Amino acid sequence: MSTTKQLGSTFRVTGDTAALIESRLDAAVEAAEGNAMRDGRHGVLIMRHCPRTYTVSVSPDVPYGVTREEDFSV
């Protein structure tokens, strides 16, 4: 099953194909960046949990105006 779920200011993205995941990640990042811009204090963190599961969130650990990617699948 492939989904994009919004959990507060975090989006959980899954998908069965690279194209689907990329499309959903793009939409989730765009939404998170909009939330971050309204907040004006935090950046966006994209975390890869495994090849088909990601989270995108507004994070106080990322400076405002920055989008950071981290891989937690290792």
PDB file of N, CA and C in Angstrom:
ATOM      1  N   MET A   1       0.838  -1.172   0.000  1.00  0.00           N
ATOM      2  CA  MET A   1       0.000   0.000   0.000  1.00  0.00           C
ATOM      3  C   MET A   1       0.888   1.241   0.000  1.00  0.00           C
ATOM      4  N   SER A   2       0.469   2.255  -0.691  1.00  0.00           N
ATOM      5  CA  SER A   2       1.243   3.486  -0.723  1.00  0.00           C
ATOM      6  C   SER A   2       0.355   4.645  -0.290  1.00  0.00           C
ATOM      7  N   THR A   3       0.933   5.515   0.529  1.00  0.00           N
ATOM      8  CA  THR A   3       0.136   6.587   1.115  1.00  0.00           C
ATOM      9  C   THR A   3       0.962   7.827   1.366  1.00  0.00           C
ATOM     10  N   THR A   4       0.250   8.912   1.597  1.00  0.00           N
ATOM     11  CA  THR A   4       0.816  10.107   2.192  1.00  0.00           C
ATOM     12  C   THR A   4      -0.153  10.497   3.294  1.00  0.00           C
ATOM     13  N   LYS A   5       0.312  10.519   4.525  1.00  0.00           N
ATOM     14  CA  LYS A   5      -0.541  10.877   5.657  1.00  0.00           C
ATOM     15  C   LYS A   5       0.052  12.082   6.359  1.00  0.00           C
ATOM     16  N   GLN A   6      -0.801  13.032   6.698  1.00  0.00           N
ATOM     17  CA  GLN A   6      -0.343  14.178   7.470  1.00  0.00           C
ATOM     18  C   GLN A   6      -0.630  13.906   8.934  1.00  0.00           C
ATOM     19  N   LEU A   7       0.404  13.993   9.749  1.00  0.00           N
ATOM     20  CA  LEU A   7       0.309  13.798  11.187  1.00  0.00           C
ATOM     21  C   LEU A   7       0.801  15.075  11.850  1.00  0.00           C
ATOM     22  N   GLY A   8      -0.096  16.017  12.120  1.00  0.00           N
ATOM     23  CA  GLY A   8       0.321  17.318  12.621  1.00  0.00           C
ATOM     24  C   GLY A   8       1.103  18.037  11.547  1.00  0.00           C
ATOM     25  N   SER A   9       2.336  18.425  11.841  1.00  0.00           N
ATOM     26  CA  SER A   9       3.174  19.080  10.839  1.00  0.00           C
ATOM     27  C   SER A   9       4.172  18.096  10.228  1.00  0.00           C
ATOM     28  N   THR A  10       3.867  16.802  10.337  1.00  0.00           N
ATOM     29  CA  THR A  10       4.701  15.750   9.761  1.00  0.00           C
ATOM     30  C   THR A  10       3.899  14.982   8.726  1.00  0.00           C
ATOM     31  N   PHE A  11       4.531  14.698   7.603  1.00  0.00           N
ATOM     32  CA  PHE A  11       3.909  13.917   6.546  1.00  0.00           C
ATOM     33  C   PHE A  11       4.649  12.589   6.443  1.00  0.00           C
ATOM     34  N   ARG A  12       3.918  11.484   6.451  1.00  0.00           N
ATOM     35  CA  ARG A  12       4.498  10.156   6.252  1.00  0.00           C
ATOM     36  C   ARG A  12       4.228   9.776   4.809  1.00  0.00           C
ATOM     37  N   VAL A  13       5.287   9.476   4.067  1.00  0.00           N
ATOM     38  CA  VAL A  13       5.183   9.188   2.639  1.00  0.00           C
ATOM     39  C   VAL A  13       5.662   7.768   2.382  1.00  0.00           C
ATOM     40  N   THR A  14       4.832   6.992   1.704  1.00  0.00           N
ATOM     41  CA  THR A  14       5.228   5.662   1.261  1.00  0.00           C
ATOM     42  C   THR A  14       4.796   5.495  -0.187  1.00  0.00           C
ATOM     43  N   GLY A  15       5.394   4.533  -0.860  1.00  0.00           N
ATOM     44  CA  GLY A  15       5.005   4.266  -2.242  1.00  0.00           C
ATOM     45  C   GLY A  15       5.651   3.010  -2.761  1.00  0.00           C
ATOM     46  N   ASP A  16       5.071   2.499  -3.834  1.00  0.00           N
ATOM     47  CA  ASP A  16       5.560   1.251  -4.430  1.00  0.00           C
ATOM     48  C   ASP A  16       6.552   1.465  -5.566  1.00  0.00           C
ATOM     49  N   THR A  17       6.589   2.686  -6.112  1.00  0.00           N
ATOM     50  CA  THR A  17       7.527   2.972  -7.201  1.00  0.00           C
ATOM     51  C   THR A  17       8.301   4.251  -6.892  1.00  0.00           C
ATOM     52  N   ALA A  18       9.463   4.359  -7.481  1.00  0.00           N
ATOM     53  CA  ALA A  18      10.289   5.557  -7.263  1.00  0.00           C
ATOM     54  C   ALA A  18       9.569   6.809  -7.739  1.00  0.00           C
ATOM     55  N   ALA A  19       8.875   6.733  -8.858  1.00  0.00           N
ATOM     56  CA  ALA A  19       8.168   7.904  -9.390  1.00  0.00           C
ATOM     57  C   ALA A  19       7.053   8.352  -8.455  1.00  0.00           C
ATOM     58  N   LEU A  20       6.327   7.400  -7.903  1.00  0.00           N
ATOM     59  CA  LEU A  20       5.245   7.735  -6.974  1.00  0.00           C
ATOM     60  C   LEU A  20       5.793   8.352  -5.694  1.00  0.00           C
ATOM     61  N   ILE A  21       6.857   7.772  -5.165  1.00  0.00           N
ATOM     62  CA  ILE A  21       7.475   8.308  -3.953  1.00  0.00           C
ATOM     63  C   ILE A  21       7.985   9.721  -4.204  1.00  0.00           C
ATOM     64  N   GLU A  22       8.654   9.926  -5.319  1.00  0.00           N
ATOM     65  CA  GLU A  22       9.180  11.254  -5.635  1.00  0.00           C
ATOM     66  C   GLU A  22       8.063  12.287  -5.735  1.00  0.00           C
ATOM     67  N   SER A  23       6.985  11.928  -6.389  1.00  0.00           N
ATOM     68  CA  SER A  23       5.850  12.840  -6.531  1.00  0.00           C
ATOM     69  C   SER A  23       5.252  13.185  -5.176  1.00  0.00           C
ATOM     70  N   ARG A  24       5.077  12.190  -4.342  1.00  0.00           N
ATOM     71  CA  ARG A  24       4.507  12.425  -3.008  1.00  0.00           C
ATOM     72  C   ARG A  24       5.469  13.203  -2.110  1.00  0.00           C
ATOM     73  N   LEU A  25       6.765  12.906  -2.233  1.00  0.00           N
ATOM     74  CA  LEU A  25       7.741  13.667  -1.450  1.00  0.00           C
ATOM     75  C   LEU A  25       7.728  15.143  -1.859  1.00  0.00           C
ATOM     76  N   ASP A  26       7.669  15.403  -3.162  1.00  0.00           N
ATOM     77  CA  ASP A  26       7.618  16.788  -3.639  1.00  0.00           C
ATOM     78  C   ASP A  26       6.426  17.525  -3.033  1.00  0.00           C
ATOM     79  N   ALA A  27       5.256  16.884  -3.030  1.00  0.00           N
ATOM     80  CA  ALA A  27       4.054  17.514  -2.470  1.00  0.00           C
ATOM     81  C   ALA A  27       4.185  17.719  -0.961  1.00  0.00           C
ATOM     82  N   ALA A  28       4.741  16.731  -0.267  1.00  0.00           N
ATOM     83  CA  ALA A  28       4.905  16.843   1.187  1.00  0.00           C
ATOM     84  C   ALA A  28       5.907  17.940   1.547  1.00  0.00           C
ATOM     85  N   VAL A  29       7.010  18.029   0.795  1.00  0.00           N
ATOM     86  CA  VAL A  29       8.011  19.077   1.046  1.00  0.00           C
ATOM     87  C   VAL A  29       7.400  20.454   0.795  1.00  0.00           C
ATOM     88  N   GLU A  30       6.642  20.583  -0.273  1.00  0.00           N
ATOM     89  CA  GLU A  30       6.003  21.866  -0.568  1.00  0.00           C
ATOM     90  C   GLU A  30       5.059  22.283   0.564  1.00  0.00           C
ATOM     91  N   ALA A  31       4.275  21.346   1.066  1.00  0.00           N
ATOM     92  CA  ALA A  31       3.362  21.653   2.171  1.00  0.00           C
ATOM     93  C   ALA A  31       4.139  21.994   3.449  1.00  0.00           C
ATOM     94  N   ALA A  32       5.181  21.223   3.745  1.00  0.00           N
ATOM     95  CA  ALA A  32       5.985  21.480   4.951  1.00  0.00           C
ATOM     96  C   ALA A  32       6.696  22.830   4.853  1.00  0.00           C
ATOM     97  N   GLU A  33       7.208  23.169   3.673  1.00  0.00           N
ATOM     98  CA  GLU A  33       7.859  24.474   3.500  1.00  0.00           C
ATOM     99  C   GLU A  33       6.864  25.604   3.725  1.00  0.00           C
ATOM    100  N   GLY A  34       5.625  25.430   3.268  1.00  0.00           N
ATOM    101  CA  GLY A  34       4.595  26.434   3.523  1.00  0.00           C
ATOM    102  C   GLY A  34       4.328  26.595   5.003  1.00  0.00           C
ATOM    103  N   ASN A  35       4.249  25.477   5.734  1.00  0.00           N
ATOM    104  CA  ASN A  35       4.065  25.535   7.187  1.00  0.00           C
ATOM    105  C   ASN A  35       5.259  26.214   7.856  1.00  0.00           C
ATOM    106  N   ALA A  36       6.463  25.891   7.403  1.00  0.00           N
ATOM    107  CA  ALA A  36       7.675  26.475   7.992  1.00  0.00           C
ATOM    108  C   ALA A  36       7.730  27.980   7.730  1.00  0.00           C
ATOM    109  N   MET A  37       7.322  28.404   6.544  1.00  0.00           N
ATOM    110  CA  MET A  37       7.347  29.836   6.225  1.00  0.00           C
ATOM    111  C   MET A  37       6.337  30.602   7.079  1.00  0.00           C
ATOM    112  N   ARG A  38       5.170  30.012   7.320  1.00  0.00           N
ATOM    113  CA  ARG A  38       4.183  30.670   8.182  1.00  0.00           C
ATOM    114  C   ARG A  38       4.700  30.779   9.605  1.00  0.00           C
ATOM    115  N   ASP A  39       5.389  29.744  10.066  1.00  0.00           N
ATOM    116  CA  ASP A  39       5.951  29.721  11.419  1.00  0.00           C
ATOM    117  C   ASP A  39       7.125  30.689  11.524  1.00  0.00           C
ATOM    118  N   GLY A  40       7.991  30.681  10.517  1.00  0.00           N
ATOM    119  CA  GLY A  40       9.125  31.598  10.475  1.00  0.00           C
ATOM    120  C   GLY A  40      10.261  31.288  11.431  1.00  0.00           C
ATOM    121  N   ARG A  41      10.292  30.073  11.988  1.00  0.00           N
ATOM    122  CA  ARG A  41      11.348  29.754  12.955  1.00  0.00           C
ATOM    123  C   ARG A  41      12.108  28.471  12.647  1.00  0.00           C
ATOM    124  N   HIS A  42      11.523  27.567  11.861  1.00  0.00           N
ATOM    125  CA  HIS A  42      12.116  26.243  11.668  1.00  0.00           C
ATOM    126  C   HIS A  42      12.248  25.904  10.190  1.00  0.00           C
ATOM    127  N   GLY A  43      13.085  24.904   9.927  1.00  0.00           N
ATOM    128  CA  GLY A  43      13.256  24.403   8.575  1.00  0.00           C
ATOM    129  C   GLY A  43      12.534  23.088   8.382  1.00  0.00           C
ATOM    130  N   VAL A  44      12.848  22.409   7.281  1.00  0.00           N
ATOM    131  CA  VAL A  44      12.169  21.165   6.914  1.00  0.00           C
ATOM    132  C   VAL A  44      13.175  20.016   6.964  1.00  0.00           C
ATOM    133  N   LEU A  45      12.767  18.918   7.567  1.00  0.00           N
ATOM    134  CA  LEU A  45      13.599  17.725   7.670  1.00  0.00           C
ATOM    135  C   LEU A  45      12.928  16.582   6.918  1.00  0.00           C
ATOM    136  N   ILE A  46      13.669  15.995   5.973  1.00  0.00           N
ATOM    137  CA  ILE A  46      13.212  14.816   5.237  1.00  0.00           C
ATOM    138  C   ILE A  46      14.018  13.642   5.762  1.00  0.00           C
ATOM    139  N   MET A  47      13.322  12.641   6.282  1.00  0.00           N
ATOM    140  CA  MET A  47      14.009  11.469   6.824  1.00  0.00           C
ATOM    141  C   MET A  47      13.615  10.231   6.027  1.00  0.00           C
ATOM    142  N   ARG A  48      14.629   9.510   5.558  1.00  0.00           N
ATOM    143  CA  ARG A  48      14.398   8.233   4.868  1.00  0.00           C
ATOM    144  C   ARG A  48      14.528   7.133   5.905  1.00  0.00           C
ATOM    145  N   HIS A  49      13.451   6.368   6.098  1.00  0.00           N
ATOM    146  CA  HIS A  49      13.457   5.291   7.086  1.00  0.00           C
ATOM    147  C   HIS A  49      13.783   3.946   6.452  1.00  0.00           C
ATOM    148  N   CYS A  50      13.347   3.758   5.230  1.00  0.00           N
ATOM    149  CA  CYS A  50      13.671   2.587   4.422  1.00  0.00           C
ATOM    150  C   CYS A  50      13.408   2.988   2.971  1.00  0.00           C
ATOM    151  N   PRO A  51      13.739   2.147   2.004  1.00  0.00           N
ATOM    152  CA  PRO A  51      13.618   2.579   0.608  1.00  0.00           C
ATOM    153  C   PRO A  51      12.241   3.093   0.195  1.00  0.00           C
ATOM    154  N   ARG A  52      11.184   2.694   0.896  1.00  0.00           N
ATOM    155  CA  ARG A  52       9.841   3.133   0.507  1.00  0.00           C
ATOM    156  C   ARG A  52       9.109   3.938   1.564  1.00  0.00           C
ATOM    157  N   THR A  53       9.784   4.347   2.621  1.00  0.00           N
ATOM    158  CA  THR A  53       9.128   5.087   3.695  1.00  0.00           C
ATOM    159  C   THR A  53       9.952   6.308   4.106  1.00  0.00           C
ATOM    160  N   TYR A  54       9.303   7.463   4.076  1.00  0.00           N
ATOM    161  CA  TYR A  54       9.926   8.737   4.422  1.00  0.00           C
ATOM    162  C   TYR A  54       8.999   9.519   5.333  1.00  0.00           C
ATOM    163  N   THR A  55       9.578  10.425   6.112  1.00  0.00           N
ATOM    164  CA  THR A  55       8.779  11.441   6.790  1.00  0.00           C
ATOM    165  C   THR A  55       9.341  12.801   6.408  1.00  0.00           C
ATOM    166  N   VAL A  56       8.442  13.763   6.309  1.00  0.00           N
ATOM    167  CA  VAL A  56       8.797  15.145   6.009  1.00  0.00           C
ATOM    168  C   VAL A  56       8.161  15.980   7.104  1.00  0.00           C
ATOM    169  N   SER A  57       8.966  16.786   7.805  1.00  0.00           N
ATOM    170  CA  SER A  57       8.408  17.551   8.913  1.00  0.00           C
ATOM    171  C   SER A  57       9.087  18.905   9.070  1.00  0.00           C
ATOM    172  N   VAL A  58       8.344  19.802   9.687  1.00  0.00           N
ATOM    173  CA  VAL A  58       8.913  21.082  10.124  1.00  0.00           C
ATOM    174  C   VAL A  58       9.655  20.757  11.412  1.00  0.00           C
ATOM    175  N   SER A  59      10.945  21.121  11.474  1.00  0.00           N
ATOM    176  CA  SER A  59      11.782  20.690  12.593  1.00  0.00           C
ATOM    177  C   SER A  59      12.526  21.852  13.237  1.00  0.00           C
ATOM    178  N   PRO A  60      12.493  21.924  14.569  1.00  0.00           N
ATOM    179  CA  PRO A  60      13.284  22.937  15.265  1.00  0.00           C
ATOM    180  C   PRO A  60      14.785  22.663  15.177  1.00  0.00           C
ATOM    181  N   ASP A  61      15.164  21.458  14.719  1.00  0.00           N
ATOM    182  CA  ASP A  61      16.579  21.095  14.567  1.00  0.00           C
ATOM    183  C   ASP A  61      17.171  21.577  13.245  1.00  0.00           C
ATOM    184  N   VAL A  62      16.330  22.153  12.389  1.00  0.00           N
ATOM    185  CA  VAL A  62      16.782  22.635  11.084  1.00  0.00           C
ATOM    186  C   VAL A  62      16.568  24.143  11.032  1.00  0.00           C
ATOM    187  N   PRO A  63      17.588  24.910  10.661  1.00  0.00           N
ATOM    188  CA  PRO A  63      17.437  26.369  10.610  1.00  0.00           C
ATOM    189  C   PRO A  63      16.370  26.814   9.612  1.00  0.00           C
ATOM    190  N   TYR A  64      15.728  27.904   9.919  1.00  0.00           N
ATOM    191  CA  TYR A  64      14.704  28.467   9.041  1.00  0.00           C
ATOM    192  C   TYR A  64      15.284  28.677   7.640  1.00  0.00           C
ATOM    193  N   GLY A  65      14.523  28.306   6.628  1.00  0.00           N
ATOM    194  CA  GLY A  65      14.949  28.472   5.243  1.00  0.00           C
ATOM    195  C   GLY A  65      15.764  27.323   4.685  1.00  0.00           C
ATOM    196  N   VAL A  66      16.021  26.307   5.509  1.00  0.00           N
ATOM    197  CA  VAL A  66      16.842  25.167   5.088  1.00  0.00           C
ATOM    198  C   VAL A  66      15.973  23.911   5.018  1.00  0.00           C
ATOM    199  N   THR A  67      16.228  23.072   4.015  1.00  0.00           N
ATOM    200  CA  THR A  67      15.622  21.743   3.932  1.00  0.00           C
ATOM    201  C   THR A  67      16.765  20.744   4.021  1.00  0.00           C
ATOM    202  N   ARG A  68      16.712  19.877   5.026  1.00  0.00           N
ATOM    203  CA  ARG A  68      17.781  18.905   5.272  1.00  0.00           C
ATOM    204  C   ARG A  68      17.251  17.490   5.033  1.00  0.00           C
ATOM    205  N   GLU A  69      18.087  16.651   4.446  1.00  0.00           N
ATOM    206  CA  GLU A  69      17.754  15.246   4.227  1.00  0.00           C
ATOM    207  C   GLU A  69      18.647  14.375   5.103  1.00  0.00           C
ATOM    208  N   GLU A  70      18.053  13.365   5.739  1.00  0.00           N
ATOM    209  CA  GLU A  70      18.807  12.420   6.554  1.00  0.00           C
ATOM    210  C   GLU A  70      18.334  11.013   6.244  1.00  0.00           C
ATOM    211  N   ASP A  71      19.259  10.071   6.299  1.00  0.00           N
ATOM    212  CA  ASP A  71      18.951   8.678   5.991  1.00  0.00           C
ATOM    213  C   ASP A  71      19.075   7.860   7.274  1.00  0.00           C
ATOM    214  N   PHE A  72      17.951   7.352   7.771  1.00  0.00           N
ATOM    215  CA  PHE A  72      17.934   6.543   8.971  1.00  0.00           C
ATOM    216  C   PHE A  72      17.754   5.068   8.650  1.00  0.00           C
ATOM    217  N   SER A  73      17.925   4.716   7.378  1.00  0.00           N
ATOM    218  CA  SER A  73      17.693   3.330   6.958  1.00  0.00           C
ATOM    219  C   SER A  73      18.898   2.424   7.174  1.00  0.00           C
ATOM    220  N   VAL A  74      20.008   2.988   7.529  1.00  0.00           N
ATOM    221  CA  VAL A  74      21.234   2.212   7.664  1.00  0.00           C
ATOM    222  C   VAL A  74      21.273   1.485   8.985  1.00  0.00           C
TER     223      VAL A  74
END
